[in-house]
Amino acid sequence: MTDANHSIKPIIIGIAGPSGSGKTLFVDNLKGLLREYHSVVVLREDHYYKDQSNIPLEEREQVNYDHPNALEHSLLITHLKELQLRKAIHSPNYLFHTHTRSRETSLIQPADIIICDGILLLADQQVREMLDITAFIDAPLDVCLVRRLKRDLAERGRSIEKTLDQYTNTVRPMYWEFIAPTKSNVDLVVTGGGKNWEAIRHFQSLIINELNSRVS
C-alpha cells in the first residue's frame, strides 16, 4: 500500500445494503484492489451503535437496532470530517453480545480513500452529504436471512429463535422503511455481493477517476 498523498483531498465512499447482502466481502475485495495504488481505511457503521450499558440486559435486547436512532451517526460524521482533515481518529468497538461499547477503541489513520459501510448509512441525510461515491449491495431477503442466521449464531452469541424474532419484528420492516428507498439514489447497485468482480472493478474505476480529478 502506498503512503497517503497529502495533495489529494480524501474521498469518502459509502456502501450500504441490507444485513447479510455481502457488504463486508465487497468492501474487503474493493480495498484489496485500491490499496495497490492508494492508502485506504474502512469505518464500519455498526461500530457506532449507541452504548446500552445504562439499561439492563433484558431491556437492551428489546431495542430496535435496525432503526437509525440506534446509531450515533453524529460521532461517525465527526470522525469522517477529522479523517478528511488528515487527522487520526479513535473508532469505537461495539460488543454485539452485550449491546455495549468496548473500553478499547481502534486507532484509524487518515488515508486517501475512506470506505464506510453499513445497513443504515444512506438513511441519514447528514451522512449522505459526506459521501462522494455510493453503492448499494442488493440481495434477496431470504438469502440475507440465511447469512444473518449463520453470522449471529457463530459471531454474536444469538439463538436461532432470537435472530428470527428480530428479523420478523425489526429487520425486515425497517429494511422496507429505511434501507430499500436509498437504493434509487446511489452511483452503483450491485448484485452478487463481494463475488461480483465486474461490479467491484467498475466501482474501483469510479473511485480512481474521482481521485485523479482531485490531484493538484
C-alpha atoms as a PDB file:
ATOM      1  CA  MET A   1       0.000   0.000   0.000  1.00  0.00           C
ATOM      2  CA  THR A   2       1.300   3.471  -0.832  1.00  0.00           C
ATOM      3  CA  ASP A   3       1.536   6.301   1.675  1.00  0.00           C
ATOM      4  CA  ALA A   4      -1.247   8.859   1.803  1.00  0.00           C
ATOM      5  CA  ASN A   5      -0.903  11.533  -0.854  1.00  0.00           C
ATOM      6  CA  HIS A   6      -1.475  14.767   1.044  1.00  0.00           C
ATOM      7  CA  SER A   7      -2.003  16.694  -2.196  1.00  0.00           C
ATOM      8  CA  ILE A   8      -5.269  14.791  -2.666  1.00  0.00           C
ATOM      9  CA  LYS A   9      -8.399  15.619  -0.721  1.00  0.00           C
ATOM     10  CA  PRO A  10      -9.558  12.289   0.788  1.00  0.00           C
ATOM     11  CA  ILE A  11     -12.558  10.717  -0.895  1.00  0.00           C
ATOM     12  CA  ILE A  12     -15.321   9.146   1.192  1.00  0.00           C
ATOM     13  CA  ILE A  13     -17.057   6.053  -0.164  1.00  0.00           C
ATOM     14  CA  GLY A  14     -20.403   4.854   1.190  1.00  0.00           C
ATOM     15  CA  ILE A  15     -21.525   1.252   0.783  1.00  0.00           C
ATOM     16  CA  ALA A  16     -24.970   0.275   2.058  1.00  0.00           C
ATOM     17  CA  GLY A  17     -27.464  -2.548   1.706  1.00  0.00           C
ATOM     18  CA  PRO A  18     -29.448  -4.999   3.810  1.00  0.00           C
ATOM     19  CA  SER A  19     -27.877  -7.078   6.560  1.00  0.00           C
ATOM     20  CA  GLY A  20     -26.355 -10.193   5.005  1.00  0.00           C
ATOM     21  CA  SER A  21     -26.173  -8.813   1.472  1.00  0.00           C
ATOM     22  CA  GLY A  22     -22.400  -9.229   1.141  1.00  0.00           C
ATOM     23  CA  LYS A  23     -21.181  -5.724   2.015  1.00  0.00           C
ATOM     24  CA  THR A  24     -18.198  -6.879   4.065  1.00  0.00           C
ATOM     25  CA  LEU A  25     -16.779  -9.115   1.336  1.00  0.00           C
ATOM     26  CA  PHE A  26     -17.416  -6.405  -1.269  1.00  0.00           C
ATOM     27  CA  VAL A  27     -15.523  -3.862   0.853  1.00  0.00           C
ATOM     28  CA  ASP A  28     -12.654  -6.259   1.557  1.00  0.00           C
ATOM     29  CA  ASN A  29     -12.194  -7.105  -2.122  1.00  0.00           C
ATOM     30  CA  LEU A  30     -12.535  -3.463  -3.180  1.00  0.00           C
ATOM     31  CA  LYS A  31      -9.954  -2.430  -0.595  1.00  0.00           C
ATOM     32  CA  GLY A  32      -7.586  -5.086  -1.891  1.00  0.00           C
ATOM     33  CA  LEU A  33      -7.708  -3.562  -5.374  1.00  0.00           C
ATOM     34  CA  LEU A  34      -7.492   0.067  -4.279  1.00  0.00           C
ATOM     35  CA  ARG A  35      -4.624  -0.231  -1.819  1.00  0.00           C
ATOM     36  CA  GLU A  36      -2.218  -1.213  -4.597  1.00  0.00           C
ATOM     37  CA  TYR A  37      -2.239   2.442  -5.620  1.00  0.00           C
ATOM     38  CA  HIS A  38      -3.700   4.453  -2.724  1.00  0.00           C
ATOM     39  CA  SER A  39      -3.952   4.356   1.058  1.00  0.00           C
ATOM     40  CA  VAL A  40      -7.334   3.034   2.243  1.00  0.00           C
ATOM     41  CA  VAL A  41      -9.123   2.830   5.606  1.00  0.00           C
ATOM     42  CA  VAL A  42     -12.500   1.315   6.475  1.00  0.00           C
ATOM     43  CA  LEU A  43     -15.082   2.508   9.003  1.00  0.00           C
ATOM     44  CA  ARG A  44     -17.879   0.116   9.947  1.00  0.00           C
ATOM     45  CA  GLU A  45     -21.163   1.813  10.743  1.00  0.00           C
ATOM     46  CA  ASP A  46     -22.167  -0.967  13.115  1.00  0.00           C
ATOM     47  CA  HIS A  47     -19.351   0.000  15.492  1.00  0.00           C
ATOM     48  CA  TYR A  48     -21.225   3.271  16.013  1.00  0.00           C
ATOM     49  CA  TYR A  49     -24.248   1.699  17.677  1.00  0.00           C
ATOM     50  CA  LYS A  50     -25.090   3.613  20.827  1.00  0.00           C
ATOM     51  CA  ASP A  51     -23.794   2.133  24.060  1.00  0.00           C
ATOM     52  CA  GLN A  52     -26.648   0.492  26.011  1.00  0.00           C
ATOM     53  CA  SER A  53     -24.771  -0.203  29.260  1.00  0.00           C
ATOM     54  CA  ASN A  54     -27.050   2.203  31.166  1.00  0.00           C
ATOM     55  CA  ILE A  55     -30.019  -0.181  30.931  1.00  0.00           C
ATOM     56  CA  PRO A  56     -30.497  -3.846  31.997  1.00  0.00           C
ATOM     57  CA  LEU A  57     -29.594  -6.569  29.509  1.00  0.00           C
ATOM     58  CA  GLU A  58     -33.226  -7.636  29.071  1.00  0.00           C
ATOM     59  CA  GLU A  59     -34.138  -4.081  28.030  1.00  0.00           C
ATOM     60  CA  ARG A  60     -31.150  -3.842  25.705  1.00  0.00           C
ATOM     61  CA  GLU A  61     -32.420  -6.853  23.799  1.00  0.00           C
ATOM     62  CA  GLN A  62     -35.715  -5.048  23.142  1.00  0.00           C
ATOM     63  CA  VAL A  63     -34.065  -2.036  21.474  1.00  0.00           C
ATOM     64  CA  ASN A  64     -34.743  -1.681  17.748  1.00  0.00           C
ATOM     65  CA  TYR A  65     -31.215  -1.909  16.364  1.00  0.00           C
ATOM     66  CA  ASP A  66     -32.488  -1.656  12.788  1.00  0.00           C
ATOM     67  CA  HIS A  67     -33.719   1.919  13.266  1.00  0.00           C
ATOM     68  CA  PRO A  68     -31.395   4.874  12.521  1.00  0.00           C
ATOM     69  CA  ASN A  69     -31.898   6.149  16.082  1.00  0.00           C
ATOM     70  CA  ALA A  70     -29.925   3.171  17.405  1.00  0.00           C
ATOM     71  CA  LEU A  71     -26.763   4.579  15.851  1.00  0.00           C
ATOM     72  CA  GLU A  72     -24.609   7.532  16.848  1.00  0.00           C
ATOM     73  CA  HIS A  73     -24.304   8.970  13.373  1.00  0.00           C
ATOM     74  CA  SER A  74     -23.180  12.313  14.810  1.00  0.00           C
ATOM     75  CA  LEU A  75     -19.949  10.682  16.046  1.00  0.00           C
ATOM     76  CA  LEU A  76     -19.476   8.935  12.700  1.00  0.00           C
ATOM     77  CA  ILE A  77     -19.808  12.279  10.911  1.00  0.00           C
ATOM     78  CA  THR A  78     -17.294  13.874  13.288  1.00  0.00           C
ATOM     79  CA  HIS A  79     -14.821  11.081  12.588  1.00  0.00           C
ATOM     80  CA  LEU A  80     -15.317  11.339   8.823  1.00  0.00           C
ATOM     81  CA  LYS A  81     -14.650  15.079   8.970  1.00  0.00           C
ATOM     82  CA  GLU A  82     -11.482  14.536  11.017  1.00  0.00           C
ATOM     83  CA  LEU A  83     -10.214  11.930   8.556  1.00  0.00           C
ATOM     84  CA  GLN A  84     -10.925  14.385   5.732  1.00  0.00           C
ATOM     85  CA  LEU A  85      -8.617  16.821   7.526  1.00  0.00           C
ATOM     86  CA  ARG A  86      -5.929  14.124   7.664  1.00  0.00           C
ATOM     87  CA  LYS A  87      -6.350  13.618  11.408  1.00  0.00           C
ATOM     88  CA  ALA A  88      -6.277  10.183  13.069  1.00  0.00           C
ATOM     89  CA  ILE A  89      -9.365   9.036  14.973  1.00  0.00           C
ATOM     90  CA  HIS A  90     -10.237   6.504  17.661  1.00  0.00           C
ATOM     91  CA  SER A  91     -13.149   4.470  16.338  1.00  0.00           C
ATOM     92  CA  PRO A  92     -15.412   2.750  18.890  1.00  0.00           C
ATOM     93  CA  ASN A  93     -15.617  -1.038  19.082  1.00  0.00           C
ATOM     94  CA  TYR A  94     -19.098  -2.425  19.620  1.00  0.00           C
ATOM     95  CA  LEU A  95     -19.776  -5.642  21.546  1.00  0.00           C
ATOM     96  CA  PHE A  96     -22.851  -7.210  19.963  1.00  0.00           C
ATOM     97  CA  HIS A  97     -23.376  -9.898  22.578  1.00  0.00           C
ATOM     98  CA  THR A  98     -23.821  -7.277  25.334  1.00  0.00           C
ATOM     99  CA  HIS A  99     -25.011  -4.301  23.206  1.00  0.00           C
ATOM    100  CA  THR A 100     -22.272  -2.132  24.683  1.00  0.00           C
ATOM    101  CA  ARG A 101     -19.082  -0.450  23.526  1.00  0.00           C
ATOM    102  CA  SER A 102     -15.716  -1.793  24.492  1.00  0.00           C
ATOM    103  CA  ARG A 103     -13.462   0.423  26.591  1.00  0.00           C
ATOM    104  CA  GLU A 104     -10.830  -0.090  23.911  1.00  0.00           C
ATOM    105  CA  THR A 105     -11.006   1.886  20.687  1.00  0.00           C
ATOM    106  CA  SER A 106      -9.324   1.349  17.321  1.00  0.00           C
ATOM    107  CA  LEU A 107      -6.807   3.891  16.045  1.00  0.00           C
ATOM    108  CA  ILE A 108      -7.520   4.726  12.410  1.00  0.00           C
ATOM    109  CA  GLN A 109      -5.008   6.779  10.492  1.00  0.00           C
ATOM    110  CA  PRO A 110      -6.002   9.163   7.670  1.00  0.00           C
ATOM    111  CA  ALA A 111      -5.875   7.905   4.085  1.00  0.00           C
ATOM    112  CA  ASP A 112      -6.646   8.925   0.516  1.00  0.00           C
ATOM    113  CA  ILE A 113      -9.733   6.699   0.437  1.00  0.00           C
ATOM    114  CA  ILE A 114     -12.165   6.311   3.334  1.00  0.00           C
ATOM    115  CA  ILE A 115     -14.647   3.474   2.916  1.00  0.00           C
ATOM    116  CA  CYS A 116     -17.673   3.436   5.206  1.00  0.00           C
ATOM    117  CA  ASP A 117     -20.224   0.640   5.132  1.00  0.00           C
ATOM    118  CA  GLY A 118     -23.428  -0.167   6.978  1.00  0.00           C
ATOM    119  CA  ILE A 119     -27.093  -1.030   6.639  1.00  0.00           C
ATOM    120  CA  LEU A 120     -28.398   2.432   7.558  1.00  0.00           C
ATOM    121  CA  LEU A 121     -25.558   4.523   6.208  1.00  0.00           C
ATOM    122  CA  LEU A 122     -27.660   6.169   3.499  1.00  0.00           C
ATOM    123  CA  ALA A 123     -30.744   6.613   5.678  1.00  0.00           C
ATOM    124  CA  ASP A 124     -29.164   9.603   7.436  1.00  0.00           C
ATOM    125  CA  GLN A 125     -29.158  12.764   5.307  1.00  0.00           C
ATOM    126  CA  GLN A 126     -26.135  14.300   7.042  1.00  0.00           C
ATOM    127  CA  VAL A 127     -24.116  11.139   6.482  1.00  0.00           C
ATOM    128  CA  ARG A 128     -25.195  11.016   2.822  1.00  0.00           C
ATOM    129  CA  GLU A 129     -23.956  14.558   2.330  1.00  0.00           C
ATOM    130  CA  MET A 130     -20.483  13.442   3.446  1.00  0.00           C
ATOM    131  CA  LEU A 131     -20.249  10.696   0.820  1.00  0.00           C
ATOM    132  CA  ASP A 132     -18.619  11.277  -2.554  1.00  0.00           C
ATOM    133  CA  ILE A 133     -19.482   7.960  -4.235  1.00  0.00           C
ATOM    134  CA  THR A 134     -22.023   5.365  -3.111  1.00  0.00           C
ATOM    135  CA  ALA A 135     -23.005   1.776  -3.815  1.00  0.00           C
ATOM    136  CA  PHE A 136     -25.941  -0.361  -2.719  1.00  0.00           C
ATOM    137  CA  ILE A 137     -25.272  -4.080  -2.301  1.00  0.00           C
ATOM    138  CA  ASP A 138     -28.552  -5.761  -3.186  1.00  0.00           C
ATOM    139  CA  ALA A 139     -29.627  -9.334  -2.444  1.00  0.00           C
ATOM    140  CA  PRO A 140     -32.883 -11.290  -1.973  1.00  0.00           C
ATOM    141  CA  LEU A 141     -34.076 -11.035   1.612  1.00  0.00           C
ATOM    142  CA  ASP A 142     -34.293 -14.798   2.061  1.00  0.00           C
ATOM    143  CA  VAL A 143     -30.612 -15.091   1.148  1.00  0.00           C
ATOM    144  CA  CYS A 144     -29.816 -12.279   3.598  1.00  0.00           C
ATOM    145  CA  LEU A 145     -31.719 -14.086   6.352  1.00  0.00           C
ATOM    146  CA  VAL A 146     -29.748 -17.309   5.904  1.00  0.00           C
ATOM    147  CA  ARG A 147     -26.452 -15.387   6.024  1.00  0.00           C
ATOM    148  CA  ARG A 148     -27.589 -13.443   9.070  1.00  0.00           C
ATOM    149  CA  LEU A 149     -28.556 -16.636  10.889  1.00  0.00           C
ATOM    150  CA  LYS A 150     -25.126 -18.137  10.288  1.00  0.00           C
ATOM    151  CA  ARG A 151     -23.349 -14.952  11.412  1.00  0.00           C
ATOM    152  CA  ASP A 152     -25.457 -14.311  14.517  1.00  0.00           C
ATOM    153  CA  LEU A 153     -25.058 -17.868  15.741  1.00  0.00           C
ATOM    154  CA  ALA A 154     -21.329 -18.009  15.055  1.00  0.00           C
ATOM    155  CA  GLU A 155     -20.207 -14.482  15.961  1.00  0.00           C
ATOM    156  CA  ARG A 156     -22.803 -12.687  18.084  1.00  0.00           C
ATOM    157  CA  GLY A 157     -23.964 -15.238  20.614  1.00  0.00           C
ATOM    158  CA  ARG A 158     -27.579 -15.248  19.424  1.00  0.00           C
ATOM    159  CA  SER A 159     -30.017 -18.143  19.288  1.00  0.00           C
ATOM    160  CA  ILE A 160     -31.968 -19.102  16.167  1.00  0.00           C
ATOM    161  CA  GLU A 161     -35.182 -18.036  17.893  1.00  0.00           C
ATOM    162  CA  LYS A 162     -33.869 -14.580  18.827  1.00  0.00           C
ATOM    163  CA  THR A 163     -32.462 -13.995  15.350  1.00  0.00           C
ATOM    164  CA  LEU A 164     -35.731 -14.987  13.670  1.00  0.00           C
ATOM    165  CA  ASP A 165     -37.768 -12.855  16.078  1.00  0.00           C
ATOM    166  CA  GLN A 166     -35.546  -9.848  15.425  1.00  0.00           C
ATOM    167  CA  TYR A 167     -35.708 -10.423  11.680  1.00  0.00           C
ATOM    168  CA  THR A 168     -39.506 -10.593  11.706  1.00  0.00           C
ATOM    169  CA  ASN A 169     -40.102  -7.707  14.138  1.00  0.00           C
ATOM    170  CA  THR A 170     -37.487  -5.164  13.074  1.00  0.00           C
ATOM    171  CA  VAL A 171     -35.007  -6.229  10.387  1.00  0.00           C
ATOM    172  CA  ARG A 172     -37.495  -6.804   7.573  1.00  0.00           C
ATOM    173  CA  PRO A 173     -39.907  -3.906   8.300  1.00  0.00           C
ATOM    174  CA  MET A 174     -37.028  -1.453   8.875  1.00  0.00           C
ATOM    175  CA  TYR A 175     -35.447  -2.603   5.611  1.00  0.00           C
ATOM    176  CA  TRP A 176     -38.554  -1.553   3.682  1.00  0.00           C
ATOM    177  CA  GLU A 177     -38.889   1.716   5.607  1.00  0.00           C
ATOM    178  CA  PHE A 178     -35.308   2.968   5.744  1.00  0.00           C
ATOM    179  CA  ILE A 179     -32.954   0.890   3.584  1.00  0.00           C
ATOM    180  CA  ALA A 180     -34.741  -0.075   0.366  1.00  0.00           C
ATOM    181  CA  PRO A 181     -35.684   3.557  -0.514  1.00  0.00           C
ATOM    182  CA  THR A 182     -31.989   4.557  -0.583  1.00  0.00           C
ATOM    183  CA  LYS A 183     -31.240   2.181  -3.461  1.00  0.00           C
ATOM    184  CA  SER A 184     -32.520   4.677  -6.026  1.00  0.00           C
ATOM    185  CA  ASN A 185     -30.012   7.378  -5.044  1.00  0.00           C
ATOM    186  CA  VAL A 186     -26.660   5.590  -5.365  1.00  0.00           C
ATOM    187  CA  ASP A 187     -23.978   5.594  -8.041  1.00  0.00           C
ATOM    188  CA  LEU A 188     -23.995   1.815  -8.414  1.00  0.00           C
ATOM    189  CA  VAL A 189     -26.373  -1.009  -7.453  1.00  0.00           C
ATOM    190  CA  VAL A 190     -24.532  -4.309  -7.060  1.00  0.00           C
ATOM    191  CA  THR A 191     -25.974  -7.817  -7.152  1.00  0.00           C
ATOM    192  CA  GLY A 192     -23.812 -10.782  -6.264  1.00  0.00           C
ATOM    193  CA  GLY A 193     -22.118  -9.012  -3.359  1.00  0.00           C
ATOM    194  CA  GLY A 194     -18.385  -9.359  -2.918  1.00  0.00           C
ATOM    195  CA  LYS A 195     -18.130 -12.037  -5.598  1.00  0.00           C
ATOM    196  CA  ASN A 196     -19.233  -9.694  -8.388  1.00  0.00           C
ATOM    197  CA  TRP A 197     -15.786  -8.727  -9.622  1.00  0.00           C
ATOM    198  CA  GLU A 198     -17.132  -6.870 -12.642  1.00  0.00           C
ATOM    199  CA  ALA A 199     -19.032  -4.517 -10.306  1.00  0.00           C
ATOM    200  CA  ILE A 200     -16.067  -4.223  -7.945  1.00  0.00           C
ATOM    201  CA  ARG A 201     -13.731  -3.189 -10.762  1.00  0.00           C
ATOM    202  CA  HIS A 202     -16.313  -0.778 -12.169  1.00  0.00           C
ATOM    203  CA  PHE A 203     -16.711   0.820  -8.745  1.00  0.00           C
ATOM    204  CA  GLN A 204     -12.924   0.968  -8.418  1.00  0.00           C
ATOM    205  CA  SER A 205     -12.807   2.908 -11.702  1.00  0.00           C
ATOM    206  CA  LEU A 206     -15.357   5.443 -10.418  1.00  0.00           C
ATOM    207  CA  ILE A 207     -13.221   5.994  -7.322  1.00  0.00           C
ATOM    208  CA  ILE A 208      -9.928   6.313  -9.204  1.00  0.00           C
ATOM    209  CA  ASN A 209     -11.449   8.765 -11.690  1.00  0.00           C
ATOM    210  CA  GLU A 210     -12.705  10.914  -8.830  1.00  0.00           C
ATOM    211  CA  LEU A 211      -9.301  10.827  -7.129  1.00  0.00           C
ATOM    212  CA  ASN A 212      -7.490  11.739 -10.350  1.00  0.00           C
ATOM    213  CA  SER A 213      -9.763  14.770 -10.731  1.00  0.00           C
ATOM    214  CA  ARG A 214      -8.570  15.986  -7.314  1.00  0.00           C
ATOM    215  CA  VAL A 215      -4.830  15.818  -7.900  1.00  0.00           C
ATOM    216  CA  SER A 216      -3.362  19.285  -7.536  1.00  0.00           C
END
